[in-house]
Amino acid sequence: AGLAQAFMPILMTSVFRDLEDRGAARGSPVRDDEIEPLTAFYRARAAEVTGVQLQAAIATQQRAAIKLSQFMQTYDLVLTPTQGTPPPKHGVLSLSQPDFAQYGRDIGAFGPYTALANHTGQPAMSVPLTMSRGGLPIGVMFLGRYGAEATLLSLAAQLEAARPWKDRLPVM
């Protein structure tokens, strides 16, 4: 299975466990009417995930993390776009939309670069270096080496000094 497919059993079982923990902490189970439809769907699907499937998914993520870490030994940093598409219209990435498959396609198209860092635990940062013609920030993402987060933080400071973004506000 690919990295994105391997993520699903991990996500579903994590959602289930988190909701169980939240219910235990408050003394009553979390009901479906208290959560977004997609969250309820993931919780329900978690029961279908076997231990073997979960372990296979974790192993896939671990192998990807090892490969990316080995690749990163050749480079100090890797530059990618932050997003794969322009920001979607409000509501497109809503956890309440009824078409869960479409949500998966939309989120996959929007965040393919950040997903790699998220799935592998690779240190990364996104900084808003410029603005779109429509007045929205455009970010770039840098992946760094494990244990070398200081390189990312140093670069962030240099970039912000060269192209300050604290006073840039999106057009609303």
N, C-alpha and C. Protein backbone atom coordinates (compact mmCIF):
# COMPACT_ATOMS: atom_id res chain seq x y z
N ALA A 1 0.84 -1.19 0.00
CA ALA A 1 0.00 0.00 0.00
C ALA A 1 0.88 1.24 0.00
N GLY A 2 0.38 2.29 -0.64
CA GLY A 2 1.08 3.56 -0.65
C GLY A 2 0.97 4.25 0.69
N LEU A 3 1.73 5.31 0.83
CA LEU A 3 1.77 6.03 2.09
C LEU A 3 0.41 6.62 2.46
N ALA A 4 -0.29 7.19 1.49
CA ALA A 4 -1.61 7.77 1.78
C ALA A 4 -2.60 6.69 2.20
N GLN A 5 -2.57 5.54 1.52
CA GLN A 5 -3.48 4.45 1.88
C GLN A 5 -3.12 3.89 3.26
N ALA A 6 -1.84 3.83 3.56
CA ALA A 6 -1.41 3.31 4.86
C ALA A 6 -1.86 4.22 5.99
N PHE A 7 -2.02 5.49 5.69
CA PHE A 7 -2.41 6.44 6.72
C PHE A 7 -3.84 6.21 7.22
N MET A 8 -4.71 5.70 6.37
CA MET A 8 -6.12 5.59 6.74
C MET A 8 -6.38 4.69 7.95
N PRO A 9 -5.84 3.47 8.03
CA PRO A 9 -6.07 2.67 9.23
C PRO A 9 -5.52 3.34 10.50
N ILE A 10 -4.40 4.03 10.35
CA ILE A 10 -3.82 4.74 11.50
C ILE A 10 -4.74 5.88 11.92
N LEU A 11 -5.22 6.64 10.95
CA LEU A 11 -6.13 7.75 11.24
C LEU A 11 -7.41 7.26 11.89
N MET A 12 -8.03 6.24 11.30
CA MET A 12 -9.32 5.76 11.82
C MET A 12 -9.19 5.23 13.25
N THR A 13 -8.17 4.43 13.51
CA THR A 13 -8.01 3.88 14.86
C THR A 13 -7.60 4.96 15.85
N SER A 14 -6.86 5.97 15.38
CA SER A 14 -6.50 7.08 16.27
C SER A 14 -7.73 7.91 16.63
N VAL A 15 -8.59 8.16 15.65
CA VAL A 15 -9.83 8.89 15.92
C VAL A 15 -10.66 8.12 16.94
N PHE A 16 -10.80 6.82 16.73
CA PHE A 16 -11.56 5.99 17.67
C PHE A 16 -11.00 6.11 19.08
N ARG A 17 -9.69 5.93 19.21
CA ARG A 17 -9.05 5.97 20.53
C ARG A 17 -9.19 7.35 21.17
N ASP A 18 -9.00 8.40 20.39
CA ASP A 18 -9.13 9.76 20.93
C ASP A 18 -10.54 10.03 21.44
N LEU A 19 -11.55 9.58 20.69
CA LEU A 19 -12.93 9.79 21.12
C LEU A 19 -13.26 8.96 22.36
N GLU A 20 -12.72 7.74 22.42
CA GLU A 20 -12.91 6.92 23.62
C GLU A 20 -12.28 7.61 24.84
N ASP A 21 -11.08 8.11 24.68
CA ASP A 21 -10.39 8.80 25.78
C ASP A 21 -11.15 10.05 26.21
N ARG A 22 -11.64 10.80 25.23
CA ARG A 22 -12.40 12.01 25.55
C ARG A 22 -13.68 11.66 26.31
N GLY A 23 -14.37 10.61 25.86
CA GLY A 23 -15.58 10.17 26.56
C GLY A 23 -15.28 9.71 27.97
N ALA A 24 -14.19 8.97 28.15
CA ALA A 24 -13.81 8.51 29.50
C ALA A 24 -13.48 9.70 30.39
N ALA A 25 -12.81 10.69 29.85
CA ALA A 25 -12.42 11.86 30.65
C ALA A 25 -13.63 12.65 31.12
N ARG A 26 -14.66 12.70 30.30
CA ARG A 26 -15.83 13.49 30.69
C ARG A 26 -16.91 12.65 31.36
N GLY A 27 -16.73 11.31 31.35
CA GLY A 27 -17.67 10.44 32.03
C GLY A 27 -18.86 9.99 31.22
N SER A 28 -18.86 10.28 29.92
CA SER A 28 -19.93 9.80 29.04
C SER A 28 -19.39 9.68 27.62
N PRO A 29 -19.85 8.68 26.88
CA PRO A 29 -19.34 8.49 25.52
C PRO A 29 -19.62 9.69 24.62
N VAL A 30 -18.73 9.93 23.69
CA VAL A 30 -18.94 10.97 22.69
C VAL A 30 -19.92 10.42 21.66
N ARG A 31 -21.03 11.14 21.48
CA ARG A 31 -22.08 10.72 20.55
C ARG A 31 -21.80 11.25 19.14
N ASP A 32 -22.33 10.55 18.15
CA ASP A 32 -22.14 10.97 16.77
C ASP A 32 -22.68 12.37 16.50
N ASP A 33 -23.75 12.76 17.20
CA ASP A 33 -24.31 14.09 16.95
C ASP A 33 -23.47 15.21 17.57
N GLU A 34 -22.40 14.85 18.25
CA GLU A 34 -21.49 15.84 18.84
C GLU A 34 -20.23 16.05 17.99
N ILE A 35 -20.08 15.26 16.95
CA ILE A 35 -18.87 15.33 16.14
C ILE A 35 -19.22 15.48 14.67
N GLU A 36 -18.25 15.86 13.88
CA GLU A 36 -18.45 16.02 12.44
C GLU A 36 -18.75 14.66 11.80
N PRO A 37 -19.54 14.64 10.74
CA PRO A 37 -19.87 13.38 10.08
C PRO A 37 -18.64 12.56 9.65
N LEU A 38 -17.61 13.21 9.14
CA LEU A 38 -16.42 12.46 8.72
C LEU A 38 -15.73 11.83 9.92
N THR A 39 -15.70 12.53 11.04
CA THR A 39 -15.11 11.97 12.26
C THR A 39 -15.90 10.75 12.72
N ALA A 40 -17.23 10.83 12.66
CA ALA A 40 -18.07 9.69 13.04
C ALA A 40 -17.84 8.52 12.08
N PHE A 41 -17.67 8.81 10.80
CA PHE A 41 -17.39 7.78 9.80
C PHE A 41 -16.07 7.07 10.12
N TYR A 42 -15.04 7.84 10.43
CA TYR A 42 -13.74 7.24 10.76
C TYR A 42 -13.86 6.37 12.02
N ARG A 43 -14.58 6.85 13.00
CA ARG A 43 -14.75 6.06 14.22
C ARG A 43 -15.44 4.74 13.90
N ALA A 44 -16.49 4.78 13.10
CA ALA A 44 -17.21 3.55 12.75
C ALA A 44 -16.34 2.60 11.94
N ARG A 45 -15.56 3.13 11.03
CA ARG A 45 -14.69 2.28 10.19
C ARG A 45 -13.53 1.69 10.98
N ALA A 46 -13.15 2.28 12.09
CA ALA A 46 -12.03 1.77 12.89
C ALA A 46 -12.27 0.33 13.33
N ALA A 47 -13.52 -0.03 13.56
CA ALA A 47 -13.84 -1.39 14.00
C ALA A 47 -13.49 -2.44 12.95
N GLU A 48 -13.38 -2.02 11.69
CA GLU A 48 -13.05 -2.93 10.60
C GLU A 48 -11.55 -3.14 10.44
N VAL A 49 -10.74 -2.34 11.10
CA VAL A 49 -9.29 -2.42 10.96
C VAL A 49 -8.76 -3.52 11.88
N THR A 50 -8.07 -4.49 11.29
CA THR A 50 -7.48 -5.56 12.10
C THR A 50 -6.12 -5.11 12.64
N GLY A 51 -5.66 -5.81 13.63
CA GLY A 51 -4.34 -5.53 14.18
C GLY A 51 -3.25 -5.70 13.13
N VAL A 52 -3.40 -6.70 12.28
CA VAL A 52 -2.42 -6.94 11.22
C VAL A 52 -2.41 -5.77 10.23
N GLN A 53 -3.59 -5.27 9.88
CA GLN A 53 -3.67 -4.12 8.96
C GLN A 53 -3.04 -2.88 9.58
N LEU A 54 -3.31 -2.67 10.86
CA LEU A 54 -2.73 -1.51 11.54
C LEU A 54 -1.21 -1.61 11.58
N GLN A 55 -0.70 -2.78 11.91
CA GLN A 55 0.76 -2.96 11.96
C GLN A 55 1.37 -2.79 10.58
N ALA A 56 0.71 -3.27 9.54
CA ALA A 56 1.21 -3.09 8.17
C ALA A 56 1.26 -1.60 7.81
N ALA A 57 0.23 -0.86 8.21
CA ALA A 57 0.20 0.57 7.94
C ALA A 57 1.33 1.29 8.66
N ILE A 58 1.53 0.95 9.92
CA ILE A 58 2.62 1.57 10.69
C ILE A 58 3.97 1.23 10.05
N ALA A 59 4.15 -0.02 9.63
CA ALA A 59 5.40 -0.42 8.99
C ALA A 59 5.63 0.35 7.69
N THR A 60 4.57 0.59 6.93
CA THR A 60 4.69 1.37 5.69
C THR A 60 5.16 2.78 6.01
N GLN A 61 4.58 3.40 7.02
CA GLN A 61 5.01 4.74 7.41
C GLN A 61 6.46 4.73 7.89
N GLN A 62 6.83 3.73 8.65
CA GLN A 62 8.21 3.66 9.15
C GLN A 62 9.20 3.50 8.00
N ARG A 63 8.88 2.64 7.03
CA ARG A 63 9.77 2.47 5.88
C ARG A 63 9.91 3.78 5.10
N ALA A 64 8.82 4.49 4.93
CA ALA A 64 8.87 5.78 4.23
C ALA A 64 9.71 6.78 5.00
N ALA A 65 9.57 6.79 6.32
CA ALA A 65 10.36 7.71 7.15
C ALA A 65 11.84 7.40 7.03
N ILE A 66 12.19 6.13 7.01
CA ILE A 66 13.60 5.73 6.88
C ILE A 66 14.14 6.16 5.51
N LYS A 67 13.37 5.90 4.45
CA LYS A 67 13.82 6.29 3.10
C LYS A 67 14.00 7.80 2.99
N LEU A 68 13.05 8.56 3.52
CA LEU A 68 13.16 10.01 3.44
C LEU A 68 14.34 10.51 4.27
N SER A 69 14.54 9.92 5.43
CA SER A 69 15.68 10.30 6.27
C SER A 69 17.00 10.02 5.55
N GLN A 70 17.09 8.88 4.89
CA GLN A 70 18.30 8.55 4.13
C GLN A 70 18.50 9.54 2.98
N PHE A 71 17.42 9.86 2.28
CA PHE A 71 17.49 10.84 1.20
C PHE A 71 17.98 12.19 1.72
N MET A 72 17.49 12.59 2.88
CA MET A 72 17.83 13.90 3.44
C MET A 72 19.29 13.98 3.89
N GLN A 73 19.98 12.88 4.01
CA GLN A 73 21.39 12.93 4.40
C GLN A 73 22.24 13.60 3.32
N THR A 74 21.72 13.66 2.11
CA THR A 74 22.43 14.28 1.00
C THR A 74 22.19 15.79 0.95
N TYR A 75 21.13 16.26 1.60
CA TYR A 75 20.73 17.66 1.49
C TYR A 75 20.52 18.25 2.88
N ASP A 76 20.81 19.54 3.01
CA ASP A 76 20.50 20.22 4.26
C ASP A 76 19.00 20.47 4.35
N LEU A 77 18.42 20.89 3.23
CA LEU A 77 17.00 21.23 3.17
C LEU A 77 16.46 20.85 1.80
N VAL A 78 15.16 20.60 1.74
CA VAL A 78 14.47 20.40 0.47
C VAL A 78 13.31 21.39 0.44
N LEU A 79 13.19 22.11 -0.67
CA LEU A 79 12.15 23.12 -0.85
C LEU A 79 11.01 22.55 -1.69
N THR A 80 9.78 22.71 -1.20
CA THR A 80 8.59 22.30 -1.96
C THR A 80 7.53 23.39 -1.81
N PRO A 81 6.51 23.36 -2.65
CA PRO A 81 5.36 24.22 -2.36
C PRO A 81 4.71 23.76 -1.04
N THR A 82 4.01 24.64 -0.39
CA THR A 82 3.25 24.23 0.79
C THR A 82 1.99 23.51 0.37
N GLN A 83 1.32 24.03 -0.64
CA GLN A 83 0.04 23.48 -1.09
C GLN A 83 0.15 23.01 -2.53
N GLY A 84 -0.68 22.04 -2.87
CA GLY A 84 -0.71 21.55 -4.24
C GLY A 84 -1.68 22.30 -5.12
N THR A 85 -2.59 23.05 -4.52
CA THR A 85 -3.59 23.81 -5.26
C THR A 85 -3.78 25.15 -4.56
N PRO A 86 -4.39 26.12 -5.24
CA PRO A 86 -4.76 27.35 -4.53
C PRO A 86 -5.75 27.01 -3.41
N PRO A 87 -5.88 27.89 -2.44
CA PRO A 87 -6.83 27.61 -1.36
C PRO A 87 -8.23 27.36 -1.91
N PRO A 88 -8.88 26.29 -1.45
CA PRO A 88 -10.24 26.03 -1.92
C PRO A 88 -11.24 27.01 -1.31
N LYS A 89 -12.38 27.08 -1.94
CA LYS A 89 -13.44 27.94 -1.39
C LYS A 89 -13.87 27.42 -0.02
N HIS A 90 -14.36 28.33 0.79
CA HIS A 90 -14.81 27.99 2.13
C HIS A 90 -15.82 26.84 2.07
N GLY A 91 -15.61 25.84 2.90
CA GLY A 91 -16.53 24.72 2.99
C GLY A 91 -16.12 23.50 2.19
N VAL A 92 -15.23 23.67 1.20
CA VAL A 92 -14.83 22.53 0.37
C VAL A 92 -14.14 21.46 1.21
N LEU A 93 -13.31 21.87 2.14
CA LEU A 93 -12.60 20.91 2.99
C LEU A 93 -13.29 20.71 4.33
N SER A 94 -14.59 20.86 4.35
CA SER A 94 -15.37 20.69 5.57
C SER A 94 -15.51 19.23 5.95
N LEU A 95 -15.34 18.94 7.22
CA LEU A 95 -15.55 17.58 7.72
C LEU A 95 -17.03 17.22 7.74
N SER A 96 -17.88 18.18 7.39
CA SER A 96 -19.32 17.94 7.36
C SER A 96 -19.84 17.61 5.96
N GLN A 97 -19.00 17.73 4.94
CA GLN A 97 -19.51 17.44 3.59
C GLN A 97 -19.85 15.96 3.49
N PRO A 98 -20.93 15.64 2.78
CA PRO A 98 -21.42 14.25 2.76
C PRO A 98 -20.60 13.29 1.90
N ASP A 99 -19.84 13.80 0.94
CA ASP A 99 -19.09 12.93 0.04
C ASP A 99 -17.67 12.74 0.59
N PHE A 100 -17.49 11.70 1.40
CA PHE A 100 -16.21 11.49 2.07
C PHE A 100 -15.10 11.18 1.07
N ALA A 101 -15.42 10.48 -0.02
CA ALA A 101 -14.40 10.17 -1.03
C ALA A 101 -13.93 11.46 -1.71
N GLN A 102 -14.86 12.37 -1.97
CA GLN A 102 -14.48 13.64 -2.57
C GLN A 102 -13.62 14.45 -1.60
N TYR A 103 -13.96 14.42 -0.33
CA TYR A 103 -13.14 15.10 0.68
C TYR A 103 -11.71 14.56 0.62
N GLY A 104 -11.56 13.25 0.53
CA GLY A 104 -10.24 12.64 0.46
C GLY A 104 -9.46 13.10 -0.76
N ARG A 105 -10.14 13.18 -1.90
CA ARG A 105 -9.47 13.65 -3.12
C ARG A 105 -9.08 15.12 -2.98
N ASP A 106 -9.99 15.92 -2.42
CA ASP A 106 -9.72 17.36 -2.27
C ASP A 106 -8.56 17.61 -1.32
N ILE A 107 -8.55 16.95 -0.18
CA ILE A 107 -7.49 17.17 0.80
C ILE A 107 -6.16 16.63 0.27
N GLY A 108 -6.22 15.53 -0.49
CA GLY A 108 -5.01 14.99 -1.09
C GLY A 108 -4.40 15.92 -2.12
N ALA A 109 -5.24 16.56 -2.92
CA ALA A 109 -4.76 17.51 -3.93
C ALA A 109 -4.23 18.78 -3.28
N PHE A 110 -4.86 19.20 -2.21
CA PHE A 110 -4.48 20.45 -1.54
C PHE A 110 -3.19 20.30 -0.75
N GLY A 111 -3.00 19.18 -0.07
CA GLY A 111 -1.86 19.05 0.83
C GLY A 111 -0.91 17.91 0.58
N PRO A 112 -0.51 17.64 -0.67
CA PRO A 112 0.36 16.48 -0.89
C PRO A 112 1.76 16.65 -0.32
N TYR A 113 2.24 17.86 -0.23
CA TYR A 113 3.61 18.09 0.23
C TYR A 113 3.69 18.04 1.75
N THR A 114 2.74 18.68 2.40
CA THR A 114 2.74 18.63 3.87
C THR A 114 2.45 17.23 4.37
N ALA A 115 1.67 16.47 3.60
CA ALA A 115 1.35 15.10 4.02
C ALA A 115 2.61 14.25 4.15
N LEU A 116 3.57 14.43 3.26
CA LEU A 116 4.80 13.64 3.33
C LEU A 116 5.51 13.87 4.66
N ALA A 117 5.63 15.12 5.06
CA ALA A 117 6.27 15.41 6.35
C ALA A 117 5.43 14.89 7.50
N ASN A 118 4.12 15.05 7.42
CA ASN A 118 3.24 14.59 8.50
C ASN A 118 3.27 13.08 8.65
N HIS A 119 3.27 12.35 7.54
CA HIS A 119 3.24 10.89 7.60
C HIS A 119 4.56 10.30 8.06
N THR A 120 5.66 11.01 7.82
CA THR A 120 6.97 10.45 8.15
C THR A 120 7.59 11.06 9.39
N GLY A 121 7.01 12.14 9.89
CA GLY A 121 7.59 12.81 11.06
C GLY A 121 8.81 13.63 10.72
N GLN A 122 9.02 13.89 9.44
CA GLN A 122 10.18 14.66 9.01
C GLN A 122 10.04 16.10 9.47
N PRO A 123 11.08 16.69 10.06
CA PRO A 123 11.01 18.10 10.43
C PRO A 123 10.75 18.97 9.19
N ALA A 124 9.84 19.89 9.31
CA ALA A 124 9.50 20.75 8.18
C ALA A 124 8.90 22.05 8.70
N MET A 125 8.91 23.05 7.84
CA MET A 125 8.26 24.32 8.17
C MET A 125 7.70 24.91 6.89
N SER A 126 6.66 25.68 7.05
CA SER A 126 6.07 26.41 5.94
C SER A 126 6.11 27.89 6.30
N VAL A 127 6.55 28.70 5.35
CA VAL A 127 6.61 30.14 5.60
C VAL A 127 5.91 30.87 4.46
N PRO A 128 5.19 31.94 4.76
CA PRO A 128 4.43 32.69 3.75
C PRO A 128 5.32 33.72 3.05
N LEU A 129 6.04 33.29 2.03
CA LEU A 129 7.02 34.19 1.41
C LEU A 129 6.43 35.22 0.47
N THR A 130 5.25 34.98 -0.07
CA THR A 130 4.70 35.94 -1.02
C THR A 130 3.17 35.91 -0.92
N MET A 131 2.54 36.73 -1.73
CA MET A 131 1.08 36.81 -1.74
C MET A 131 0.57 36.55 -3.16
N SER A 132 -0.60 35.96 -3.25
CA SER A 132 -1.23 35.74 -4.55
C SER A 132 -1.82 37.04 -5.08
N ARG A 133 -2.19 37.03 -6.36
CA ARG A 133 -2.86 38.21 -6.92
C ARG A 133 -4.15 38.49 -6.17
N GLY A 134 -4.75 37.45 -5.62
CA GLY A 134 -5.99 37.60 -4.87
C GLY A 134 -5.78 38.03 -3.43
N GLY A 135 -4.53 38.25 -3.03
CA GLY A 135 -4.24 38.75 -1.70
C GLY A 135 -4.12 37.69 -0.62
N LEU A 136 -3.91 36.43 -1.03
CA LEU A 136 -3.74 35.36 -0.04
C LEU A 136 -2.27 34.98 0.06
N PRO A 137 -1.83 34.58 1.25
CA PRO A 137 -0.42 34.19 1.40
C PRO A 137 -0.12 32.92 0.61
N ILE A 138 1.06 32.90 0.03
CA ILE A 138 1.56 31.71 -0.66
C ILE A 138 2.78 31.23 0.12
N GLY A 139 2.69 30.01 0.59
CA GLY A 139 3.77 29.47 1.40
C GLY A 139 4.69 28.57 0.63
N VAL A 140 5.90 28.46 1.14
CA VAL A 140 6.84 27.45 0.67
C VAL A 140 7.21 26.61 1.88
N MET A 141 7.46 25.34 1.63
CA MET A 141 7.78 24.43 2.72
C MET A 141 9.21 23.94 2.55
N PHE A 142 9.89 23.86 3.67
CA PHE A 142 11.23 23.31 3.71
C PHE A 142 11.22 22.07 4.58
N LEU A 143 11.78 20.99 4.07
CA LEU A 143 12.00 19.79 4.87
C LEU A 143 13.45 19.80 5.32
N GLY A 144 13.66 19.43 6.57
CA GLY A 144 15.01 19.37 7.10
C GLY A 144 15.35 17.96 7.55
N ARG A 145 16.54 17.84 8.09
CA ARG A 145 17.00 16.54 8.59
C ARG A 145 16.49 16.30 10.00
N TYR A 146 16.33 15.02 10.34
CA TYR A 146 16.01 14.68 11.73
C TYR A 146 17.10 15.21 12.63
N GLY A 147 16.70 15.82 13.72
CA GLY A 147 17.66 16.32 14.69
C GLY A 147 18.30 17.64 14.31
N ALA A 148 17.95 18.18 13.16
CA ALA A 148 18.55 19.43 12.70
C ALA A 148 17.49 20.53 12.56
N GLU A 149 16.56 20.54 13.49
CA GLU A 149 15.50 21.54 13.46
C GLU A 149 16.07 22.95 13.56
N ALA A 150 17.23 23.10 14.19
CA ALA A 150 17.86 24.42 14.32
C ALA A 150 18.14 25.03 12.94
N THR A 151 18.44 24.20 11.96
CA THR A 151 18.66 24.69 10.60
C THR A 151 17.37 25.31 10.06
N LEU A 152 16.25 24.65 10.28
CA LEU A 152 14.96 25.19 9.84
C LEU A 152 14.65 26.51 10.54
N LEU A 153 14.86 26.55 11.84
CA LEU A 153 14.55 27.77 12.60
C LEU A 153 15.46 28.92 12.19
N SER A 154 16.73 28.63 11.94
CA SER A 154 17.66 29.66 11.49
C SER A 154 17.24 30.20 10.13
N LEU A 155 16.86 29.30 9.23
CA LEU A 155 16.40 29.73 7.91
C LEU A 155 15.13 30.57 8.03
N ALA A 156 14.21 30.17 8.88
CA ALA A 156 12.97 30.94 9.07
C ALA A 156 13.29 32.36 9.51
N ALA A 157 14.22 32.50 10.44
CA ALA A 157 14.60 33.83 10.92
C ALA A 157 15.21 34.66 9.79
N GLN A 158 16.06 34.03 8.98
CA GLN A 158 16.69 34.75 7.87
C GLN A 158 15.65 35.17 6.82
N LEU A 159 14.74 34.27 6.51
CA LEU A 159 13.71 34.58 5.52
C LEU A 159 12.79 35.69 6.01
N GLU A 160 12.42 35.63 7.27
CA GLU A 160 11.53 36.68 7.79
C GLU A 160 12.24 38.02 7.84
N ALA A 161 13.53 38.02 8.13
CA ALA A 161 14.28 39.28 8.12
C ALA A 161 14.36 39.84 6.70
N ALA A 162 14.53 38.96 5.71
CA ALA A 162 14.66 39.40 4.32
C ALA A 162 13.32 39.78 3.70
N ARG A 163 12.27 39.06 4.06
CA ARG A 163 10.93 39.29 3.50
C ARG A 163 9.89 39.23 4.62
N PRO A 164 9.85 40.25 5.46
CA PRO A 164 8.94 40.20 6.62
C PRO A 164 7.50 39.94 6.20
N TRP A 165 6.84 39.12 7.00
CA TRP A 165 5.44 38.80 6.68
C TRP A 165 4.48 39.16 7.80
N LYS A 166 5.00 39.63 8.92
CA LYS A 166 4.12 39.86 10.07
C LYS A 166 3.05 40.92 9.80
N ASP A 167 3.32 41.87 8.92
CA ASP A 167 2.34 42.92 8.65
C ASP A 167 1.54 42.68 7.37
N ARG A 168 1.83 41.58 6.68
CA ARG A 168 1.07 41.25 5.47
C ARG A 168 -0.22 40.56 5.88
N LEU A 169 -1.31 41.13 5.51
CA LEU A 169 -2.61 40.54 5.86
C LEU A 169 -3.36 40.16 4.58
N PRO A 170 -4.04 39.02 4.60
CA PRO A 170 -4.81 38.64 3.41
C PRO A 170 -5.97 39.59 3.20
N VAL A 171 -6.32 39.76 1.95
CA VAL A 171 -7.49 40.56 1.59
C VAL A 171 -8.72 39.75 1.96
N MET A 172 -9.63 40.36 2.68
CA MET A 172 -10.85 39.64 3.09
C MET A 172 -12.05 40.24 2.40
